[in-house]
Amino acid sequence: MKSSLIRATILLSAFVLSHLTVSAAEPLRALIITGGCCHDYGNQSGIIAKGVSARANITFNVKYQGGTDRNVKIPVYEKKDWAKAYDIIIHNECFGGVTDVDWVENIAKTHRDTGIAAAAIHCSMHSYRNAKTDEWRKLLGVSSYSHEGHRAVTVENLAPKHPIMKTFPAKWETPKGELYKIEKIWPNTKRLGQAYGKDTKKDHLCIWTNTYGKARVFGTTLGHHNETMQQDVYLDFLTRGILWACNQLTKKGDPKPGYGPKKK
């Protein structure tokens, strides 16, 4: 009787401790770095922050710098340890005119050497594209220099068993679109989704994961239009991609304990 009571007490204590640990999980800290040419970055930052935080235990800060100029070396990257306070940096920027090699490599190597995760969205793939270095492209996992015409695209799920893609439809048509032409896929990149380009008459990768040094990276070229970003399908896979990059996504595609949405 006494030993049974002791075992029951131990099990109850373990359950309570586990429950408290889950409840006390600190939110993941995300920084959205945004700005530059050709996109509605002010509203997109709100769409991302609101949509993802409704699906996962993540808090967001936003650095919107550089206005609409593609040639600006934005000040956030000038600071020492600019990424240190965060678990993940969400790159949603469009600075295709910046070519300073040392400056670009400093951004990429910060992720590579510290292991701070990254999520790269749409025009981040065209940022720094004329810089004479491949470090940014190695971080992203793809090389792209141009895009097709503006039209809706049909995204094919290439990895339905991958935790990021488990709830993604077999095929999904975006409301609007601007498909990026992928010129190179780097060796550590895992293909998750692709879309057929009517201009080039071939498929182009549009959702993937990558590893770069110590960092896990999630990438998607989808997201030119707010209408696409606002879709549940988009926000669902973006959230899972962010959680995957932070190593907080289960094999079933659910947030790990403590990292699901906050209960209201």
C-alpha atoms as a PDB file:
ATOM      1  CA  MET A   1       0.000   0.000   0.000  1.00  0.00           C
ATOM      2  CA  LYS A   2       2.762   2.382   1.024  1.00  0.00           C
ATOM      3  CA  SER A   3       4.842   1.653  -2.091  1.00  0.00           C
ATOM      4  CA  SER A   4       1.783   2.175  -4.313  1.00  0.00           C
ATOM      5  CA  LEU A   5       1.163   5.539  -2.687  1.00  0.00           C
ATOM      6  CA  ILE A   6       4.785   6.566  -3.245  1.00  0.00           C
ATOM      7  CA  ARG A   7       4.611   5.556  -6.923  1.00  0.00           C
ATOM      8  CA  ALA A   8       1.378   7.478  -7.373  1.00  0.00           C
ATOM      9  CA  THR A   9       2.920  10.543  -5.737  1.00  0.00           C
ATOM     10  CA  ILE A  10       5.960  10.356  -8.022  1.00  0.00           C
ATOM     11  CA  LEU A  11       3.785  10.023 -11.130  1.00  0.00           C
ATOM     12  CA  LEU A  12       1.596  12.930 -10.057  1.00  0.00           C
ATOM     13  CA  SER A  13       4.660  15.082  -9.379  1.00  0.00           C
ATOM     14  CA  ALA A  14       6.104  14.225 -12.789  1.00  0.00           C
ATOM     15  CA  PHE A  15       2.808  15.111 -14.467  1.00  0.00           C
ATOM     16  CA  VAL A  16       2.562  18.435 -12.644  1.00  0.00           C
ATOM     17  CA  LEU A  17       6.196  19.285 -13.418  1.00  0.00           C
ATOM     18  CA  SER A  18       5.686  18.409 -17.080  1.00  0.00           C
ATOM     19  CA  HIS A  19       2.530  20.521 -17.223  1.00  0.00           C
ATOM     20  CA  LEU A  20       4.264  23.471 -15.618  1.00  0.00           C
ATOM     21  CA  THR A  21       7.213  23.143 -18.002  1.00  0.00           C
ATOM     22  CA  VAL A  22       4.902  23.197 -21.025  1.00  0.00           C
ATOM     23  CA  SER A  23       2.863  26.087 -19.658  1.00  0.00           C
ATOM     24  CA  ALA A  24       5.979  28.082 -18.833  1.00  0.00           C
ATOM     25  CA  ALA A  25       7.599  27.773 -22.276  1.00  0.00           C
ATOM     26  CA  GLU A  26       8.971  31.135 -23.304  1.00  0.00           C
ATOM     27  CA  PRO A  27       7.678  32.317 -26.681  1.00  0.00           C
ATOM     28  CA  LEU A  28      10.031  32.129 -29.613  1.00  0.00           C
ATOM     29  CA  ARG A  29      11.444  35.548 -30.420  1.00  0.00           C
ATOM     30  CA  ALA A  30      11.188  36.521 -34.088  1.00  0.00           C
ATOM     31  CA  LEU A  31      12.498  39.609 -35.853  1.00  0.00           C
ATOM     32  CA  ILE A  32      10.986  40.573 -39.198  1.00  0.00           C
ATOM     33  CA  ILE A  33      13.522  42.522 -41.261  1.00  0.00           C
ATOM     34  CA  THR A  34      11.727  44.227 -44.111  1.00  0.00           C
ATOM     35  CA  GLY A  35      11.779  47.117 -46.549  1.00  0.00           C
ATOM     36  CA  GLY A  36      12.947  47.949 -50.036  1.00  0.00           C
ATOM     37  CA  CYS A  37      11.461  47.859 -53.488  1.00  0.00           C
ATOM     38  CA  CYS A  38       8.190  46.822 -54.948  1.00  0.00           C
ATOM     39  CA  HIS A  39       6.071  45.366 -52.121  1.00  0.00           C
ATOM     40  CA  ASP A  40       3.560  46.372 -49.439  1.00  0.00           C
ATOM     41  CA  TYR A  41       5.940  45.601 -46.604  1.00  0.00           C
ATOM     42  CA  GLY A  42       4.133  47.631 -43.968  1.00  0.00           C
ATOM     43  CA  ASN A  43       0.963  45.583 -44.263  1.00  0.00           C
ATOM     44  CA  GLN A  44       2.790  42.317 -44.930  1.00  0.00           C
ATOM     45  CA  SER A  45       4.610  42.537 -41.606  1.00  0.00           C
ATOM     46  CA  GLY A  46       1.254  42.772 -39.856  1.00  0.00           C
ATOM     47  CA  ILE A  47      -0.176  39.857 -41.831  1.00  0.00           C
ATOM     48  CA  ILE A  48       2.788  37.665 -40.899  1.00  0.00           C
ATOM     49  CA  ALA A  49       2.943  38.656 -37.233  1.00  0.00           C
ATOM     50  CA  LYS A  50      -0.800  38.337 -36.627  1.00  0.00           C
ATOM     51  CA  GLY A  51      -1.242  35.146 -38.637  1.00  0.00           C
ATOM     52  CA  VAL A  52       1.751  33.267 -37.258  1.00  0.00           C
ATOM     53  CA  SER A  53       1.272  34.317 -33.627  1.00  0.00           C
ATOM     54  CA  ALA A  54      -2.320  33.007 -33.836  1.00  0.00           C
ATOM     55  CA  ARG A  55      -0.888  29.600 -34.741  1.00  0.00           C
ATOM     56  CA  ALA A  56       2.223  29.369 -32.572  1.00  0.00           C
ATOM     57  CA  ASN A  57       3.783  30.755 -29.398  1.00  0.00           C
ATOM     58  CA  ILE A  58       5.909  33.381 -31.128  1.00  0.00           C
ATOM     59  CA  THR A  59       6.402  37.086 -30.467  1.00  0.00           C
ATOM     60  CA  PHE A  60       7.461  39.507 -33.191  1.00  0.00           C
ATOM     61  CA  ASN A  61       9.506  42.651 -33.515  1.00  0.00           C
ATOM     62  CA  VAL A  62       9.694  44.452 -36.857  1.00  0.00           C
ATOM     63  CA  LYS A  63      12.531  46.466 -38.377  1.00  0.00           C
ATOM     64  CA  TYR A  64      11.108  48.234 -41.431  1.00  0.00           C
ATOM     65  CA  GLN A  65      14.001  50.182 -42.948  1.00  0.00           C
ATOM     66  CA  GLY A  66      15.157  51.523 -46.294  1.00  0.00           C
ATOM     67  CA  GLY A  67      11.853  52.845 -47.585  1.00  0.00           C
ATOM     68  CA  THR A  68      11.181  51.684 -51.145  1.00  0.00           C
ATOM     69  CA  ASP A  69      14.763  52.012 -52.407  1.00  0.00           C
ATOM     70  CA  ARG A  70      16.436  48.773 -53.531  1.00  0.00           C
ATOM     71  CA  ASN A  71      19.954  50.186 -53.003  1.00  0.00           C
ATOM     72  CA  VAL A  72      19.953  50.813 -49.234  1.00  0.00           C
ATOM     73  CA  LYS A  73      22.270  49.086 -46.773  1.00  0.00           C
ATOM     74  CA  ILE A  74      19.803  49.167 -43.910  1.00  0.00           C
ATOM     75  CA  PRO A  75      21.105  50.118 -40.451  1.00  0.00           C
ATOM     76  CA  VAL A  76      19.871  47.034 -38.596  1.00  0.00           C
ATOM     77  CA  TYR A  77      22.701  44.989 -40.115  1.00  0.00           C
ATOM     78  CA  GLU A  78      25.338  47.543 -39.105  1.00  0.00           C
ATOM     79  CA  LYS A  79      24.924  46.796 -35.413  1.00  0.00           C
ATOM     80  CA  LYS A  80      27.139  44.240 -33.731  1.00  0.00           C
ATOM     81  CA  ASP A  81      25.202  41.135 -32.657  1.00  0.00           C
ATOM     82  CA  TRP A  82      22.145  42.385 -34.588  1.00  0.00           C
ATOM     83  CA  ALA A  83      20.499  38.957 -34.424  1.00  0.00           C
ATOM     84  CA  LYS A  84      21.567  37.882 -30.935  1.00  0.00           C
ATOM     85  CA  ALA A  85      18.297  38.638 -29.124  1.00  0.00           C
ATOM     86  CA  TYR A  86      16.208  36.434 -31.430  1.00  0.00           C
ATOM     87  CA  ASP A  87      15.523  32.779 -32.142  1.00  0.00           C
ATOM     88  CA  ILE A  88      14.723  33.440 -35.789  1.00  0.00           C
ATOM     89  CA  ILE A  89      15.121  36.238 -38.322  1.00  0.00           C
ATOM     90  CA  ILE A  90      12.379  36.507 -40.926  1.00  0.00           C
ATOM     91  CA  HIS A  91      13.854  38.101 -44.040  1.00  0.00           C
ATOM     92  CA  ASN A  92      11.132  39.767 -46.132  1.00  0.00           C
ATOM     93  CA  GLU A  93      13.224  42.408 -47.870  1.00  0.00           C
ATOM     94  CA  CYS A  94      13.955  43.606 -51.404  1.00  0.00           C
ATOM     95  CA  PHE A  95      17.391  45.204 -51.785  1.00  0.00           C
ATOM     96  CA  GLY A  96      18.528  43.889 -55.143  1.00  0.00           C
ATOM     97  CA  GLY A  97      20.829  46.857 -55.765  1.00  0.00           C
ATOM     98  CA  VAL A  98      23.136  46.278 -52.779  1.00  0.00           C
ATOM     99  CA  THR A  99      26.428  44.750 -53.936  1.00  0.00           C
ATOM    100  CA  ASP A 100      28.838  45.323 -51.007  1.00  0.00           C
ATOM    101  CA  VAL A 101      30.383  41.858 -50.605  1.00  0.00           C
ATOM    102  CA  ASP A 102      31.636  42.249 -47.026  1.00  0.00           C
ATOM    103  CA  TRP A 103      28.311  43.676 -45.926  1.00  0.00           C
ATOM    104  CA  VAL A 104      26.269  40.903 -47.560  1.00  0.00           C
ATOM    105  CA  GLU A 105      28.545  38.167 -46.253  1.00  0.00           C
ATOM    106  CA  ASN A 106      28.246  39.526 -42.722  1.00  0.00           C
ATOM    107  CA  ILE A 107      24.476  38.982 -42.857  1.00  0.00           C
ATOM    108  CA  ALA A 108      24.779  35.424 -44.127  1.00  0.00           C
ATOM    109  CA  LYS A 109      27.648  34.422 -41.855  1.00  0.00           C
ATOM    110  CA  THR A 110      25.796  35.673 -38.793  1.00  0.00           C
ATOM    111  CA  HIS A 111      23.284  32.885 -39.376  1.00  0.00           C
ATOM    112  CA  ARG A 112      25.918  30.359 -40.390  1.00  0.00           C
ATOM    113  CA  ASP A 113      28.142  30.874 -37.357  1.00  0.00           C
ATOM    114  CA  THR A 114      25.592  31.521 -34.588  1.00  0.00           C
ATOM    115  CA  GLY A 115      22.924  29.026 -35.605  1.00  0.00           C
ATOM    116  CA  ILE A 116      20.181  31.656 -35.396  1.00  0.00           C
ATOM    117  CA  ALA A 117      17.426  30.364 -37.644  1.00  0.00           C
ATOM    118  CA  ALA A 118      16.174  32.127 -40.763  1.00  0.00           C
ATOM    119  CA  ALA A 119      12.980  32.240 -42.801  1.00  0.00           C
ATOM    120  CA  ALA A 120      13.354  33.844 -46.227  1.00  0.00           C
ATOM    121  CA  ILE A 121      10.292  35.146 -48.057  1.00  0.00           C
ATOM    122  CA  HIS A 122       9.835  36.125 -51.722  1.00  0.00           C
ATOM    123  CA  CYS A 123      12.084  39.073 -52.679  1.00  0.00           C
ATOM    124  CA  SER A 124      14.708  38.102 -50.133  1.00  0.00           C
ATOM    125  CA  MET A 125      15.739  35.682 -52.885  1.00  0.00           C
ATOM    126  CA  HIS A 126      16.398  38.657 -55.201  1.00  0.00           C
ATOM    127  CA  SER A 127      18.066  40.792 -52.561  1.00  0.00           C
ATOM    128  CA  TYR A 128      21.844  41.180 -52.984  1.00  0.00           C
ATOM    129  CA  ARG A 129      21.601  39.151 -56.191  1.00  0.00           C
ATOM    130  CA  ASN A 130      24.324  41.120 -57.975  1.00  0.00           C
ATOM    131  CA  ALA A 131      26.837  40.909 -55.130  1.00  0.00           C
ATOM    132  CA  LYS A 132      29.946  38.980 -56.178  1.00  0.00           C
ATOM    133  CA  THR A 133      29.552  36.364 -53.463  1.00  0.00           C
ATOM    134  CA  ASP A 134      27.456  33.239 -53.056  1.00  0.00           C
ATOM    135  CA  GLU A 135      27.181  33.334 -49.259  1.00  0.00           C
ATOM    136  CA  TRP A 136      23.700  34.883 -49.265  1.00  0.00           C
ATOM    137  CA  ARG A 137      22.526  32.328 -51.822  1.00  0.00           C
ATOM    138  CA  LYS A 138      24.051  29.511 -49.772  1.00  0.00           C
ATOM    139  CA  LEU A 139      22.031  30.769 -46.805  1.00  0.00           C
ATOM    140  CA  LEU A 140      18.823  30.888 -48.849  1.00  0.00           C
ATOM    141  CA  GLY A 141      19.364  27.504 -50.487  1.00  0.00           C
ATOM    142  CA  VAL A 142      18.479  28.719 -54.002  1.00  0.00           C
ATOM    143  CA  SER A 143      19.732  31.190 -56.586  1.00  0.00           C
ATOM    144  CA  SER A 144      17.196  33.367 -58.416  1.00  0.00           C
ATOM    145  CA  TYR A 145      17.667  36.527 -60.452  1.00  0.00           C
ATOM    146  CA  SER A 146      14.311  37.162 -62.164  1.00  0.00           C
ATOM    147  CA  HIS A 147      10.649  36.250 -62.120  1.00  0.00           C
ATOM    148  CA  GLU A 148       7.825  35.338 -64.473  1.00  0.00           C
ATOM    149  CA  GLY A 149       4.777  37.462 -65.218  1.00  0.00           C
ATOM    150  CA  HIS A 150       2.086  38.268 -62.674  1.00  0.00           C
ATOM    151  CA  ARG A 151      -0.454  35.445 -62.603  1.00  0.00           C
ATOM    152  CA  ALA A 152      -1.824  32.889 -60.175  1.00  0.00           C
ATOM    153  CA  VAL A 153       0.306  29.753 -59.850  1.00  0.00           C
ATOM    154  CA  THR A 154      -0.556  26.194 -58.863  1.00  0.00           C
ATOM    155  CA  VAL A 155       1.753  24.872 -56.156  1.00  0.00           C
ATOM    156  CA  GLU A 156       2.382  21.121 -56.095  1.00  0.00           C
ATOM    157  CA  ASN A 157       3.117  19.462 -52.753  1.00  0.00           C
ATOM    158  CA  LEU A 158       6.345  17.507 -53.326  1.00  0.00           C
ATOM    159  CA  ALA A 159       6.714  16.197 -49.767  1.00  0.00           C
ATOM    160  CA  PRO A 160       3.310  15.438 -48.212  1.00  0.00           C
ATOM    161  CA  LYS A 161       4.942  13.458 -45.387  1.00  0.00           C
ATOM    162  CA  HIS A 162       7.252  16.313 -44.384  1.00  0.00           C
ATOM    163  CA  PRO A 163       6.017  17.975 -41.160  1.00  0.00           C
ATOM    164  CA  ILE A 164       5.851  21.388 -42.835  1.00  0.00           C
ATOM    165  CA  MET A 165       3.682  20.057 -45.664  1.00  0.00           C
ATOM    166  CA  LYS A 166       1.408  17.536 -43.930  1.00  0.00           C
ATOM    167  CA  THR A 167      -1.675  19.758 -44.116  1.00  0.00           C
ATOM    168  CA  PHE A 168      -0.731  21.406 -47.414  1.00  0.00           C
ATOM    169  CA  PRO A 169      -3.083  20.376 -50.247  1.00  0.00           C
ATOM    170  CA  ALA A 170      -1.829  18.111 -53.021  1.00  0.00           C
ATOM    171  CA  LYS A 171      -2.193  21.212 -55.210  1.00  0.00           C
ATOM    172  CA  TRP A 172      -2.956  24.792 -54.234  1.00  0.00           C
ATOM    173  CA  GLU A 173      -3.695  27.704 -56.539  1.00  0.00           C
ATOM    174  CA  THR A 174      -2.590  31.068 -55.203  1.00  0.00           C
ATOM    175  CA  PRO A 175      -5.025  33.997 -55.613  1.00  0.00           C
ATOM    176  CA  LYS A 176      -2.312  35.982 -57.378  1.00  0.00           C
ATOM    177  CA  GLY A 177       1.322  35.268 -58.052  1.00  0.00           C
ATOM    178  CA  GLU A 178       4.790  36.178 -59.254  1.00  0.00           C
ATOM    179  CA  LEU A 179       6.760  32.983 -59.749  1.00  0.00           C
ATOM    180  CA  TYR A 180      10.508  33.255 -59.266  1.00  0.00           C
ATOM    181  CA  LYS A 181      12.785  31.508 -61.741  1.00  0.00           C
ATOM    182  CA  ILE A 182      15.122  29.240 -59.795  1.00  0.00           C
ATOM    183  CA  GLU A 183      18.497  29.032 -61.515  1.00  0.00           C
ATOM    184  CA  LYS A 184      20.257  26.849 -58.936  1.00  0.00           C
ATOM    185  CA  ILE A 185      19.281  24.668 -56.003  1.00  0.00           C
ATOM    186  CA  TRP A 186      22.074  24.349 -53.453  1.00  0.00           C
ATOM    187  CA  PRO A 187      23.122  20.902 -52.117  1.00  0.00           C
ATOM    188  CA  ASN A 188      21.529  21.075 -48.643  1.00  0.00           C
ATOM    189  CA  THR A 189      18.149  22.209 -49.940  1.00  0.00           C
ATOM    190  CA  LYS A 190      15.149  19.900 -49.477  1.00  0.00           C
ATOM    191  CA  ARG A 191      12.356  20.424 -52.003  1.00  0.00           C
ATOM    192  CA  LEU A 192       8.872  20.796 -50.554  1.00  0.00           C
ATOM    193  CA  GLY A 193       6.775  22.589 -53.180  1.00  0.00           C
ATOM    194  CA  GLN A 194       7.041  23.671 -56.803  1.00  0.00           C
ATOM    195  CA  ALA A 195       4.984  25.512 -59.404  1.00  0.00           C
ATOM    196  CA  TYR A 196       4.991  25.389 -63.187  1.00  0.00           C
ATOM    197  CA  GLY A 197       6.147  28.528 -64.960  1.00  0.00           C
ATOM    198  CA  LYS A 198       4.189  29.341 -68.108  1.00  0.00           C
ATOM    199  CA  ASP A 199       6.899  31.704 -69.370  1.00  0.00           C
ATOM    200  CA  THR A 200       9.830  29.322 -68.928  1.00  0.00           C
ATOM    201  CA  LYS A 201       7.717  26.184 -69.457  1.00  0.00           C
ATOM    202  CA  LYS A 202       9.273  24.378 -66.521  1.00  0.00           C
ATOM    203  CA  ASP A 203       8.784  23.811 -62.812  1.00  0.00           C
ATOM    204  CA  HIS A 204      10.371  26.107 -60.245  1.00  0.00           C
ATOM    205  CA  LEU A 205      10.921  25.317 -56.589  1.00  0.00           C
ATOM    206  CA  CYS A 206       8.868  27.638 -54.382  1.00  0.00           C
ATOM    207  CA  ILE A 207       8.901  26.044 -50.893  1.00  0.00           C
ATOM    208  CA  TRP A 208      11.933  24.380 -49.296  1.00  0.00           C
ATOM    209  CA  THR A 209      14.205  23.918 -46.297  1.00  0.00           C
ATOM    210  CA  ASN A 210      17.951  24.403 -46.108  1.00  0.00           C
ATOM    211  CA  THR A 211      20.818  24.108 -43.667  1.00  0.00           C
ATOM    212  CA  TYR A 212      23.718  26.548 -43.730  1.00  0.00           C
ATOM    213  CA  GLY A 213      26.478  26.026 -41.196  1.00  0.00           C
ATOM    214  CA  LYS A 214      24.756  25.877 -37.806  1.00  0.00           C
ATOM    215  CA  ALA A 215      21.512  27.442 -39.056  1.00  0.00           C
ATOM    216  CA  ARG A 216      18.254  25.880 -40.174  1.00  0.00           C
ATOM    217  CA  VAL A 217      16.541  27.862 -42.928  1.00  0.00           C
ATOM    218  CA  PHE A 218      13.020  27.823 -44.337  1.00  0.00           C
ATOM    219  CA  GLY A 219      12.345  29.485 -47.669  1.00  0.00           C
ATOM    220  CA  THR A 220       9.478  30.351 -49.981  1.00  0.00           C
ATOM    221  CA  THR A 221       9.331  32.535 -53.071  1.00  0.00           C
ATOM    222  CA  LEU A 222       5.556  32.861 -52.641  1.00  0.00           C
ATOM    223  CA  GLY A 223       4.283  36.088 -51.122  1.00  0.00           C
ATOM    224  CA  HIS A 224       4.409  38.958 -53.595  1.00  0.00           C
ATOM    225  CA  HIS A 225       0.757  39.816 -53.027  1.00  0.00           C
ATOM    226  CA  ASN A 226      -1.004  40.393 -49.719  1.00  0.00           C
ATOM    227  CA  GLU A 227      -3.922  38.322 -51.017  1.00  0.00           C
ATOM    228  CA  THR A 228      -1.667  35.259 -51.115  1.00  0.00           C
ATOM    229  CA  MET A 229      -0.181  35.877 -47.674  1.00  0.00           C
ATOM    230  CA  GLN A 230      -3.634  36.222 -46.127  1.00  0.00           C
ATOM    231  CA  GLN A 231      -4.680  32.711 -47.135  1.00  0.00           C
ATOM    232  CA  ASP A 232      -4.865  30.098 -44.372  1.00  0.00           C
ATOM    233  CA  VAL A 233      -2.834  27.692 -46.498  1.00  0.00           C
ATOM    234  CA  TYR A 234      -0.022  30.242 -46.711  1.00  0.00           C
ATOM    235  CA  LEU A 235      -0.028  31.163 -43.030  1.00  0.00           C
ATOM    236  CA  ASP A 236      -0.209  27.493 -42.030  1.00  0.00           C
ATOM    237  CA  PHE A 237       2.863  26.433 -44.000  1.00  0.00           C
ATOM    238  CA  LEU A 238       4.744  29.604 -43.098  1.00  0.00           C
ATOM    239  CA  THR A 239       4.115  28.956 -39.402  1.00  0.00           C
ATOM    240  CA  ARG A 240       5.268  25.360 -39.697  1.00  0.00           C
ATOM    241  CA  GLY A 241       8.327  26.471 -41.635  1.00  0.00           C
ATOM    242  CA  ILE A 242       9.258  28.940 -38.911  1.00  0.00           C
ATOM    243  CA  LEU A 243       8.738  26.311 -36.201  1.00  0.00           C
ATOM    244  CA  TRP A 244      10.810  23.810 -38.197  1.00  0.00           C
ATOM    245  CA  ALA A 245      13.654  26.304 -38.554  1.00  0.00           C
ATOM    246  CA  CYS A 246      13.553  26.822 -34.768  1.00  0.00           C
ATOM    247  CA  ASN A 247      13.472  23.028 -34.220  1.00  0.00           C
ATOM    248  CA  GLN A 248      10.077  23.308 -32.526  1.00  0.00           C
ATOM    249  CA  LEU A 249       7.967  21.269 -34.963  1.00  0.00           C
ATOM    250  CA  THR A 250       7.088  17.616 -34.347  1.00  0.00           C
ATOM    251  CA  LYS A 251       7.302  14.942 -37.019  1.00  0.00           C
ATOM    252  CA  LYS A 252       3.502  15.050 -37.164  1.00  0.00           C
ATOM    253  CA  GLY A 253       3.596  18.728 -38.118  1.00  0.00           C
ATOM    254  CA  ASP A 254       2.420  20.071 -34.765  1.00  0.00           C
ATOM    255  CA  PRO A 255       4.169  22.651 -32.586  1.00  0.00           C
ATOM    256  CA  LYS A 256       6.254  21.013 -29.878  1.00  0.00           C
ATOM    257  CA  PRO A 257       4.833  21.273 -26.323  1.00  0.00           C
ATOM    258  CA  GLY A 258       4.676  24.887 -25.219  1.00  0.00           C
ATOM    259  CA  TYR A 259       4.919  26.325 -28.730  1.00  0.00           C
ATOM    260  CA  GLY A 260       1.340  26.002 -29.910  1.00  0.00           C
ATOM    261  CA  PRO A 261      -1.007  28.998 -29.970  1.00  0.00           C
ATOM    262  CA  LYS A 262      -1.790  30.620 -26.645  1.00  0.00           C
ATOM    263  CA  LYS A 263      -5.138  29.641 -25.170  1.00  0.00           C
ATOM    264  CA  LYS A 264      -7.607  32.513 -25.003  1.00  0.00           C
END
